[in-house]
Each structure stands twice: as structure tokens, then as C-alpha cells.
């Protein structure tokens, strides 16, 4: 039948999909075992396995401070980006808002503008505002990069929501605040959580912008890894990458579980 996919095309699709997955996962699979290498060199073959480099992350003051800074800055940027991105998505959903497309494009600009351009601009601005080399400045800079991801995620959830649910609640006498808290918020919560995960991962991985706006006391884990690769390649970098990847996967798994519970709770019995 003409509507069925030919076996050759289906095999080509499978091969292409496997090749793409391999291309994406091969660097991760290659670097993670080196975190347990007992040698001081970051190469194969692995002579023996050891957890000494995880101990290095804990005992070395620079690595320990960078991990704490990444958690502080990432958490702050995630909270700011999630709140502002959600509010922006709620405001831009209105078809009566003038210049909605232009405003949405403005919010999404950090996704396409080179990080070097943002870094130079923020460095000049922070110098005038007195935010240079401060935690607040780094949090704000990371939040600027994270807001577009939250906006896109929450906007997708809002577009999938039936607007008659809110209208029905309003017609029954519910206030706008109650409608948002009891109807809108539970429905778009999966999108908010997904956006928050992307925001945290983006902040955790950001290097270029951090180089421009952060001082010595705000050195993040990603910046410390970048500096270590330039100065002295050590398996401690692989151990730090292992912690970043595992931590991100754990957060993504938790969010996936929360999304599943939220969607299950919204389904009628």
C-alpha cells in the first residue's frame, strides 16, 4: 500500500536515529570512565580504577568552592528565571497584547545572541551599576540566559490547555487569583518544572558569560573545569563532569516523576 513506509526507508530511519544517538552519547560515555582512573593522566587505557579524584574535588579548596558557587548561582538563577519566564508566558498568551510577537522575540534573544556579546555588554553595565564581581550580578546574568527556556516550556503548556476551564471557573465566581492557583497552575506545572530543569542545567554549564561577569570568589564549576583544562589536564575534570552529568540526570528524573504524578492527578478517575 502507498500509505505504508517501505522497509528500506524504515531501516534507513533506524540507522540514522542510532547514528545520531551515538554521536550525542559517545563523548559522554568516553569521558565518564576516566573519572575513576587512578593515573594522573587523562587518557586510555585505564590501568586501575580509583575514586581518588572525587576526593580531590572534596579536599581541594578551589574545586569545593566552585561546586558550592555553582549550586548557589544555579539555584538563584533558576528561581529568578522560572518566576519571570512563567509570568512572561502568562502575559504573552493574551491575543490582545500589542506587539506580542516583538516582545516574545525580545525575550528569546538571549538564545541566539552570542554569549561573548552578552558578556561584554553586561560587563560594561555592571561596572556602572556596581554589580561587577558579585553573586547578584552572576545570578542575574545567568537568569537572562535561562528565561527563554522557561518561556518556551511554559508557553507550550499554556497552548495545550483548554481555555474554557478557566472561563468555567470564572463563571462560577472564582477570583482570578483562585483560578490561577486551582486551575492554571496545576495544569502548567509540568511545563514550569521542565523549564526550571533546563534553566538549572544552562546555568550549571555556562562558561563564557561567567568569564566576563564573575570575579575570583564567584568561580563556578564549569569555569573551574575550563581553567583546569587550560592549565593542567587532570582526571579531576572528568570527576567533576561525572558529578554534573549524574546530578542533571537525577534532577531530570525527579522532574519526570513529578510530571507523571501531576498528569496522573489531572486525569479523571
C-alpha atoms as a PDB file:
ATOM      1  CA  UNK A   1       0.000   0.000   0.000  1.00  0.00           C
ATOM      2  CA  UNK A   2       1.163   3.550  -0.806  1.00  0.00           C
ATOM      3  CA  UNK A   3       0.495   4.783   2.732  1.00  0.00           C
ATOM      4  CA  UNK A   4       2.923   2.281   4.278  1.00  0.00           C
ATOM      5  CA  UNK A   5       6.622   3.035   4.761  1.00  0.00           C
ATOM      6  CA  UNK A   6       8.935   0.870   2.678  1.00  0.00           C
ATOM      7  CA  UNK A   7      11.263  -1.491   4.594  1.00  0.00           C
ATOM      8  CA  UNK A   8      14.364   0.195   3.141  1.00  0.00           C
ATOM      9  CA  UNK A   9      13.213   3.645   4.292  1.00  0.00           C
ATOM     10  CA  UNK A  10      12.367   2.305   7.744  1.00  0.00           C
ATOM     11  CA  UNK A  11      15.802   0.686   8.065  1.00  0.00           C
ATOM     12  CA  UNK A  12      17.435   3.956   6.955  1.00  0.00           C
ATOM     13  CA  UNK A  13      15.464   5.873   9.596  1.00  0.00           C
ATOM     14  CA  UNK A  14      16.541   3.438  12.315  1.00  0.00           C
ATOM     15  CA  UNK A  15      20.194   3.590  11.240  1.00  0.00           C
ATOM     16  CA  UNK A  16      20.099   7.380  11.136  1.00  0.00           C
ATOM     17  CA  UNK A  17      18.477   7.558  14.588  1.00  0.00           C
ATOM     18  CA  UNK A  18      21.073   5.188  16.076  1.00  0.00           C
ATOM     19  CA  UNK A  19      23.880   7.215  14.487  1.00  0.00           C
ATOM     20  CA  UNK A  20      22.530  10.459  15.954  1.00  0.00           C
ATOM     21  CA  UNK A  21      22.175   8.914  19.422  1.00  0.00           C
ATOM     22  CA  UNK A  22      25.706   7.512  19.196  1.00  0.00           C
ATOM     23  CA  UNK A  23      27.074  10.887  18.091  1.00  0.00           C
ATOM     24  CA  UNK A  24      25.422  12.584  21.089  1.00  0.00           C
ATOM     25  CA  UNK A  25      26.302   9.983  23.727  1.00  0.00           C
ATOM     26  CA  UNK A  26      29.772   8.875  22.604  1.00  0.00           C
ATOM     27  CA  UNK A  27      31.647  11.847  24.177  1.00  0.00           C
ATOM     28  CA  UNK A  28      29.830  11.330  27.470  1.00  0.00           C
ATOM     29  CA  UNK A  29      30.462   7.590  27.514  1.00  0.00           C
ATOM     30  CA  UNK A  30      34.113   8.215  26.664  1.00  0.00           C
ATOM     31  CA  UNK A  31      34.813  10.733  29.431  1.00  0.00           C
ATOM     32  CA  UNK A  32      32.883   9.255  32.358  1.00  0.00           C
ATOM     33  CA  UNK A  33      35.083   6.167  32.986  1.00  0.00           C
ATOM     34  CA  UNK A  34      38.151   8.417  33.203  1.00  0.00           C
ATOM     35  CA  UNK A  35      36.730   9.857  36.432  1.00  0.00           C
ATOM     36  CA  UNK A  36      37.702   6.561  38.092  1.00  0.00           C
ATOM     37  CA  UNK A  37      41.202   6.418  36.621  1.00  0.00           C
ATOM     38  CA  UNK A  38      43.971   6.097  39.192  1.00  0.00           C
ATOM     39  CA  UNK A  39      46.530   7.659  36.850  1.00  0.00           C
ATOM     40  CA  UNK A  40      47.330  11.357  36.826  1.00  0.00           C
ATOM     41  CA  UNK A  41      46.856  11.416  33.055  1.00  0.00           C
ATOM     42  CA  UNK A  42      43.507  11.772  31.332  1.00  0.00           C
ATOM     43  CA  UNK A  43      43.872   9.019  28.740  1.00  0.00           C
ATOM     44  CA  UNK A  44      43.195   5.401  27.897  1.00  0.00           C
ATOM     45  CA  UNK A  45      43.791   2.578  28.645  1.00  0.00           C
ATOM     46  CA  UNK A  46      42.797   2.740  32.315  1.00  0.00           C
ATOM     47  CA  UNK A  47      45.434   0.899  34.327  1.00  0.00           C
ATOM     48  CA  UNK A  48      43.422   0.662  37.542  1.00  0.00           C
ATOM     49  CA  UNK A  49      40.269   2.159  38.992  1.00  0.00           C
ATOM     50  CA  UNK A  50      40.203   4.556  41.918  1.00  0.00           C
ATOM     51  CA  UNK A  51      37.994   7.224  43.473  1.00  0.00           C
ATOM     52  CA  UNK A  52      40.956   9.481  44.308  1.00  0.00           C
ATOM     53  CA  UNK A  53      39.785  12.276  42.006  1.00  0.00           C
ATOM     54  CA  UNK A  54      36.447  12.555  43.760  1.00  0.00           C
ATOM     55  CA  UNK A  55      38.427  13.004  46.950  1.00  0.00           C
ATOM     56  CA  UNK A  56      40.394  15.709  45.142  1.00  0.00           C
ATOM     57  CA  UNK A  57      37.153  17.571  44.459  1.00  0.00           C
ATOM     58  CA  UNK A  58      36.319  17.412  48.150  1.00  0.00           C
ATOM     59  CA  UNK A  59      39.730  18.284  49.570  1.00  0.00           C
ATOM     60  CA  UNK A  60      40.840  20.944  47.089  1.00  0.00           C
ATOM     61  CA  UNK A  61      39.565  24.360  48.137  1.00  0.00           C
ATOM     62  CA  UNK A  62      39.189  25.645  44.559  1.00  0.00           C
ATOM     63  CA  UNK A  63      37.063  22.699  43.436  1.00  0.00           C
ATOM     64  CA  UNK A  64      34.984  22.696  46.608  1.00  0.00           C
ATOM     65  CA  UNK A  65      34.284  26.426  46.372  1.00  0.00           C
ATOM     66  CA  UNK A  66      33.369  26.145  42.681  1.00  0.00           C
ATOM     67  CA  UNK A  67      30.838  23.394  43.396  1.00  0.00           C
ATOM     68  CA  UNK A  68      29.209  25.460  46.149  1.00  0.00           C
ATOM     69  CA  UNK A  69      29.173  28.541  43.899  1.00  0.00           C
ATOM     70  CA  UNK A  70      27.534  26.593  41.080  1.00  0.00           C
ATOM     71  CA  UNK A  71      24.776  25.391  43.396  1.00  0.00           C
ATOM     72  CA  UNK A  72      24.184  28.888  44.799  1.00  0.00           C
ATOM     73  CA  UNK A  73      24.247  30.659  41.440  1.00  0.00           C
ATOM     74  CA  UNK A  74      22.340  27.908  39.637  1.00  0.00           C
ATOM     75  CA  UNK A  75      19.595  27.828  42.264  1.00  0.00           C
ATOM     76  CA  UNK A  76      19.249  31.613  42.297  1.00  0.00           C
ATOM     77  CA  UNK A  77      19.206  31.883  38.510  1.00  0.00           C
ATOM     78  CA  UNK A  78      16.658  29.059  38.273  1.00  0.00           C
ATOM     79  CA  UNK A  79      14.294  30.720  40.746  1.00  0.00           C
ATOM     80  CA  UNK A  80      14.531  34.118  39.032  1.00  0.00           C
ATOM     81  CA  UNK A  81      14.194  32.668  35.527  1.00  0.00           C
ATOM     82  CA  UNK A  82      11.286  30.408  36.479  1.00  0.00           C
ATOM     83  CA  UNK A  83       9.291  33.232  38.066  1.00  0.00           C
ATOM     84  CA  UNK A  84       9.960  35.757  35.302  1.00  0.00           C
ATOM     85  CA  UNK A  85       9.624  33.234  32.486  1.00  0.00           C
ATOM     86  CA  UNK A  86       6.293  31.962  33.815  1.00  0.00           C
ATOM     87  CA  UNK A  87       4.944  35.489  34.243  1.00  0.00           C
ATOM     88  CA  UNK A  88       6.107  36.374  30.723  1.00  0.00           C
ATOM     89  CA  UNK A  89       4.393  33.316  29.265  1.00  0.00           C
ATOM     90  CA  UNK A  90       1.156  34.162  31.071  1.00  0.00           C
ATOM     91  CA  UNK A  91       1.265  37.737  29.837  1.00  0.00           C
ATOM     92  CA  UNK A  92       2.146  36.861  26.240  1.00  0.00           C
ATOM     93  CA  UNK A  93      -0.666  34.333  25.882  1.00  0.00           C
ATOM     94  CA  UNK A  94      -3.159  37.187  25.532  1.00  0.00           C
ATOM     95  CA  UNK A  95      -4.075  37.822  21.892  1.00  0.00           C
ATOM     96  CA  UNK A  96      -4.975  41.438  22.744  1.00  0.00           C
ATOM     97  CA  UNK A  97      -1.471  42.374  23.874  1.00  0.00           C
ATOM     98  CA  UNK A  98       0.042  44.885  21.411  1.00  0.00           C
ATOM     99  CA  UNK A  99       3.394  43.961  19.860  1.00  0.00           C
ATOM    100  CA  UNK A 100       3.203  40.483  21.428  1.00  0.00           C
ATOM    101  CA  UNK A 101       5.418  38.974  18.736  1.00  0.00           C
ATOM    102  CA  UNK A 102       8.080  41.644  19.171  1.00  0.00           C
ATOM    103  CA  UNK A 103       8.045  41.231  22.951  1.00  0.00           C
ATOM    104  CA  UNK A 104       8.327  37.445  22.654  1.00  0.00           C
ATOM    105  CA  UNK A 105      11.238  37.831  20.245  1.00  0.00           C
ATOM    106  CA  UNK A 106      12.952  40.127  22.746  1.00  0.00           C
ATOM    107  CA  UNK A 107      12.613  37.510  25.481  1.00  0.00           C
ATOM    108  CA  UNK A 108      14.074  34.846  23.181  1.00  0.00           C
ATOM    109  CA  UNK A 109      17.033  36.951  22.032  1.00  0.00           C
ATOM    110  CA  UNK A 110      19.491  35.525  24.621  1.00  0.00           C
ATOM    111  CA  UNK A 111      19.128  32.133  22.901  1.00  0.00           C
ATOM    112  CA  UNK A 112      20.562  33.468  19.616  1.00  0.00           C
ATOM    113  CA  UNK A 113      22.812  36.361  20.667  1.00  0.00           C
ATOM    114  CA  UNK A 114      26.433  35.172  21.129  1.00  0.00           C
ATOM    115  CA  UNK A 115      27.401  34.819  24.766  1.00  0.00           C
ATOM    116  CA  UNK A 116      30.504  36.950  24.135  1.00  0.00           C
ATOM    117  CA  UNK A 117      28.323  39.881  23.068  1.00  0.00           C
ATOM    118  CA  UNK A 118      26.139  39.491  26.156  1.00  0.00           C
ATOM    119  CA  UNK A 119      29.221  39.173  28.331  1.00  0.00           C
ATOM    120  CA  UNK A 120      30.838  42.363  27.047  1.00  0.00           C
ATOM    121  CA  UNK A 121      27.587  44.307  27.368  1.00  0.00           C
ATOM    122  CA  UNK A 122      26.898  43.066  30.893  1.00  0.00           C
ATOM    123  CA  UNK A 123      30.461  43.745  31.975  1.00  0.00           C
ATOM    124  CA  UNK A 124      30.122  47.370  30.902  1.00  0.00           C
ATOM    125  CA  UNK A 125      26.689  47.684  32.505  1.00  0.00           C
ATOM    126  CA  UNK A 126      27.755  46.040  35.760  1.00  0.00           C
ATOM    127  CA  UNK A 127      30.704  48.398  36.007  1.00  0.00           C
ATOM    128  CA  UNK A 128      28.308  51.338  36.069  1.00  0.00           C
ATOM    129  CA  UNK A 129      25.822  49.688  38.437  1.00  0.00           C
ATOM    130  CA  UNK A 130      28.406  48.358  40.876  1.00  0.00           C
ATOM    131  CA  UNK A 131      27.438  44.716  40.281  1.00  0.00           C
ATOM    132  CA  UNK A 132      30.783  43.610  38.884  1.00  0.00           C
ATOM    133  CA  UNK A 133      32.340  40.582  40.612  1.00  0.00           C
ATOM    134  CA  UNK A 134      29.256  39.934  42.737  1.00  0.00           C
ATOM    135  CA  UNK A 135      26.979  36.940  43.249  1.00  0.00           C
ATOM    136  CA  UNK A 136      23.928  39.036  42.388  1.00  0.00           C
ATOM    137  CA  UNK A 137      25.451  40.050  39.081  1.00  0.00           C
ATOM    138  CA  UNK A 138      26.245  36.449  38.104  1.00  0.00           C
ATOM    139  CA  UNK A 139      22.769  35.261  39.121  1.00  0.00           C
ATOM    140  CA  UNK A 140      21.129  37.977  37.034  1.00  0.00           C
ATOM    141  CA  UNK A 141      23.378  37.225  34.053  1.00  0.00           C
ATOM    142  CA  UNK A 142      22.601  33.503  34.201  1.00  0.00           C
ATOM    143  CA  UNK A 143      18.893  34.223  34.649  1.00  0.00           C
ATOM    144  CA  UNK A 144      18.915  36.254  31.431  1.00  0.00           C
ATOM    145  CA  UNK A 145      20.145  33.160  29.590  1.00  0.00           C
ATOM    146  CA  UNK A 146      17.669  30.861  31.341  1.00  0.00           C
ATOM    147  CA  UNK A 147      14.443  32.850  30.911  1.00  0.00           C
ATOM    148  CA  UNK A 148      13.900  31.859  27.241  1.00  0.00           C
ATOM    149  CA  UNK A 149      13.895  28.155  28.114  1.00  0.00           C
ATOM    150  CA  UNK A 150      11.251  28.661  30.800  1.00  0.00           C
ATOM    151  CA  UNK A 151       9.203  30.881  28.496  1.00  0.00           C
ATOM    152  CA  UNK A 152       9.156  28.295  25.702  1.00  0.00           C
ATOM    153  CA  UNK A 153       8.327  25.424  28.057  1.00  0.00           C
ATOM    154  CA  UNK A 154       5.524  27.212  29.916  1.00  0.00           C
ATOM    155  CA  UNK A 155       4.091  28.652  26.672  1.00  0.00           C
ATOM    156  CA  UNK A 156       3.807  25.123  25.300  1.00  0.00           C
ATOM    157  CA  UNK A 157       1.847  24.023  28.361  1.00  0.00           C
ATOM    158  CA  UNK A 158      -0.419  27.064  28.133  1.00  0.00           C
ATOM    159  CA  UNK A 159      -1.122  26.453  24.440  1.00  0.00           C
ATOM    160  CA  UNK A 160      -2.109  22.861  25.216  1.00  0.00           C
ATOM    161  CA  UNK A 161      -4.512  23.924  27.998  1.00  0.00           C
ATOM    162  CA  UNK A 162      -8.214  24.282  27.288  1.00  0.00           C
ATOM    163  CA  UNK A 163      -9.093  27.968  27.933  1.00  0.00           C
ATOM    164  CA  UNK A 164     -12.684  27.022  28.736  1.00  0.00           C
ATOM    165  CA  UNK A 165     -11.524  25.540  32.030  1.00  0.00           C
ATOM    166  CA  UNK A 166     -10.534  28.990  33.279  1.00  0.00           C
ATOM    167  CA  UNK A 167     -13.687  30.565  31.864  1.00  0.00           C
ATOM    168  CA  UNK A 168     -15.833  27.970  33.585  1.00  0.00           C
ATOM    169  CA  UNK A 169     -14.134  28.631  36.922  1.00  0.00           C
ATOM    170  CA  UNK A 170     -14.563  32.378  36.494  1.00  0.00           C
ATOM    171  CA  UNK A 171     -18.237  31.967  35.622  1.00  0.00           C
ATOM    172  CA  UNK A 172     -18.735  30.080  38.891  1.00  0.00           C
ATOM    173  CA  UNK A 173     -17.451  33.057  40.859  1.00  0.00           C
ATOM    174  CA  UNK A 174     -13.774  32.223  41.320  1.00  0.00           C
ATOM    175  CA  UNK A 175     -11.409  35.184  41.510  1.00  0.00           C
ATOM    176  CA  UNK A 176      -8.505  35.444  39.020  1.00  0.00           C
ATOM    177  CA  UNK A 177      -6.084  34.526  41.781  1.00  0.00           C
ATOM    178  CA  UNK A 178      -8.096  31.450  42.712  1.00  0.00           C
ATOM    179  CA  UNK A 179      -8.446  30.448  39.055  1.00  0.00           C
ATOM    180  CA  UNK A 180      -4.691  30.619  38.596  1.00  0.00           C
ATOM    181  CA  UNK A 181      -3.944  28.765  41.832  1.00  0.00           C
ATOM    182  CA  UNK A 182      -6.523  25.992  41.440  1.00  0.00           C
ATOM    183  CA  UNK A 183      -6.847  25.604  37.651  1.00  0.00           C
ATOM    184  CA  UNK A 184      -3.989  27.134  35.658  1.00  0.00           C
ATOM    185  CA  UNK A 185      -1.069  26.386  37.965  1.00  0.00           C
ATOM    186  CA  UNK A 186      -1.637  22.621  38.314  1.00  0.00           C
ATOM    187  CA  UNK A 187      -2.083  22.231  34.541  1.00  0.00           C
ATOM    188  CA  UNK A 188       1.050  24.137  33.529  1.00  0.00           C
ATOM    189  CA  UNK A 189       3.169  22.803  36.405  1.00  0.00           C
ATOM    190  CA  UNK A 190       4.862  20.156  34.187  1.00  0.00           C
ATOM    191  CA  UNK A 191       5.974  22.925  31.831  1.00  0.00           C
ATOM    192  CA  UNK A 192       7.229  25.044  34.731  1.00  0.00           C
ATOM    193  CA  UNK A 193       9.239  22.143  36.143  1.00  0.00           C
ATOM    194  CA  UNK A 194      10.698  21.313  32.746  1.00  0.00           C
ATOM    195  CA  UNK A 195      11.705  24.925  32.210  1.00  0.00           C
ATOM    196  CA  UNK A 196      13.290  25.028  35.664  1.00  0.00           C
ATOM    197  CA  UNK A 197      15.397  21.958  34.889  1.00  0.00           C
ATOM    198  CA  UNK A 198      16.584  23.475  31.608  1.00  0.00           C
ATOM    199  CA  UNK A 199      17.343  26.717  33.425  1.00  0.00           C
ATOM    200  CA  UNK A 200      19.427  24.998  36.097  1.00  0.00           C
ATOM    201  CA  UNK A 201      21.295  22.915  33.519  1.00  0.00           C
ATOM    202  CA  UNK A 202      22.003  26.026  31.437  1.00  0.00           C
ATOM    203  CA  UNK A 203      23.358  27.904  34.451  1.00  0.00           C
ATOM    204  CA  UNK A 204      25.445  24.926  35.525  1.00  0.00           C
ATOM    205  CA  UNK A 205      27.036  24.661  32.075  1.00  0.00           C
ATOM    206  CA  UNK A 206      27.611  28.360  31.362  1.00  0.00           C
ATOM    207  CA  UNK A 207      31.263  29.392  30.984  1.00  0.00           C
ATOM    208  CA  UNK A 208      31.604  32.315  28.562  1.00  0.00           C
ATOM    209  CA  UNK A 209      29.263  34.711  30.346  1.00  0.00           C
ATOM    210  CA  UNK A 210      30.765  33.768  33.707  1.00  0.00           C
ATOM    211  CA  UNK A 211      34.226  34.720  32.473  1.00  0.00           C
ATOM    212  CA  UNK A 212      33.026  38.285  31.892  1.00  0.00           C
ATOM    213  CA  UNK A 213      30.837  38.972  34.935  1.00  0.00           C
ATOM    214  CA  UNK A 214      32.214  36.772  37.736  1.00  0.00           C
ATOM    215  CA  UNK A 215      35.137  37.514  39.996  1.00  0.00           C
ATOM    216  CA  UNK A 216      37.555  35.120  41.724  1.00  0.00           C
ATOM    217  CA  UNK A 217      35.073  34.455  44.525  1.00  0.00           C
ATOM    218  CA  UNK A 218      32.274  33.565  42.086  1.00  0.00           C
ATOM    219  CA  UNK A 219      34.190  30.925  40.115  1.00  0.00           C
ATOM    220  CA  UNK A 220      31.680  28.222  39.124  1.00  0.00           C
ATOM    221  CA  UNK A 221      32.314  24.543  38.480  1.00  0.00           C
ATOM    222  CA  UNK A 222      32.165  24.986  34.708  1.00  0.00           C
ATOM    223  CA  UNK A 223      34.657  27.864  34.864  1.00  0.00           C
ATOM    224  CA  UNK A 224      36.960  25.861  37.124  1.00  0.00           C
ATOM    225  CA  UNK A 225      36.834  22.946  34.670  1.00  0.00           C
ATOM    226  CA  UNK A 226      37.664  25.316  31.816  1.00  0.00           C
ATOM    227  CA  UNK A 227      40.600  26.772  33.738  1.00  0.00           C
ATOM    228  CA  UNK A 228      41.890  23.322  34.701  1.00  0.00           C
ATOM    229  CA  UNK A 229      41.816  22.144  31.091  1.00  0.00           C
ATOM    230  CA  UNK A 230      43.827  25.190  30.014  1.00  0.00           C
ATOM    231  CA  UNK A 231      46.372  24.975  32.828  1.00  0.00           C
ATOM    232  CA  UNK A 232      46.733  21.293  33.636  1.00  0.00           C
ATOM    233  CA  UNK A 233      44.539  18.483  32.283  1.00  0.00           C
ATOM    234  CA  UNK A 234      43.660  16.319  35.256  1.00  0.00           C
ATOM    235  CA  UNK A 235      41.201  13.441  35.796  1.00  0.00           C
ATOM    236  CA  UNK A 236      39.598  15.722  38.380  1.00  0.00           C
ATOM    237  CA  UNK A 237      37.926  17.398  35.395  1.00  0.00           C
ATOM    238  CA  UNK A 238      36.382  14.051  34.451  1.00  0.00           C
ATOM    239  CA  UNK A 239      35.231  13.552  38.047  1.00  0.00           C
ATOM    240  CA  UNK A 240      33.593  16.992  38.019  1.00  0.00           C
ATOM    241  CA  UNK A 241      31.936  16.206  34.677  1.00  0.00           C
ATOM    242  CA  UNK A 242      30.670  12.937  36.152  1.00  0.00           C
ATOM    243  CA  UNK A 243      29.048  14.784  39.063  1.00  0.00           C
ATOM    244  CA  UNK A 244      27.478  17.361  36.732  1.00  0.00           C
ATOM    245  CA  UNK A 245      26.001  14.727  34.404  1.00  0.00           C
ATOM    246  CA  UNK A 246      24.728  12.474  37.178  1.00  0.00           C
ATOM    247  CA  UNK A 247      23.276  15.427  39.069  1.00  0.00           C
ATOM    248  CA  UNK A 248      21.479  16.712  35.980  1.00  0.00           C
ATOM    249  CA  UNK A 249      20.104  13.246  35.213  1.00  0.00           C
ATOM    250  CA  UNK A 250      18.839  12.874  38.784  1.00  0.00           C
ATOM    251  CA  UNK A 251      17.079  16.236  38.643  1.00  0.00           C
ATOM    252  CA  UNK A 252      15.591  15.391  35.238  1.00  0.00           C
ATOM    253  CA  UNK A 253      14.380  12.045  36.577  1.00  0.00           C
ATOM    254  CA  UNK A 254      12.791  13.712  39.604  1.00  0.00           C
ATOM    255  CA  UNK A 255      11.043  16.258  37.388  1.00  0.00           C
ATOM    256  CA  UNK A 256       9.856  13.483  35.084  1.00  0.00           C
ATOM    257  CA  UNK A 257       8.380  11.662  38.063  1.00  0.00           C
ATOM    258  CA  UNK A 258       6.685  14.840  39.304  1.00  0.00           C
ATOM    259  CA  UNK A 259       5.283  15.481  35.811  1.00  0.00           C
ATOM    260  CA  UNK A 260       3.928  11.945  35.692  1.00  0.00           C
ATOM    261  CA  UNK A 261       2.254  12.375  39.081  1.00  0.00           C
ATOM    262  CA  UNK A 262       0.839  15.759  38.068  1.00  0.00           C
ATOM    263  CA  UNK A 263      -0.602  14.427  34.828  1.00  0.00           C
ATOM    264  CA  UNK A 264      -1.976  11.378  36.616  1.00  0.00           C
ATOM    265  CA  UNK A 265      -3.675  13.554  39.209  1.00  0.00           C
ATOM    266  CA  UNK A 266      -5.340  15.666  36.481  1.00  0.00           C
ATOM    267  CA  UNK A 267      -6.822  12.663  34.675  1.00  0.00           C
ATOM    268  CA  UNK A 268     -10.413  11.856  35.600  1.00  0.00           C
ATOM    269  CA  UNK A 269     -10.924   8.747  37.678  1.00  0.00           C
END
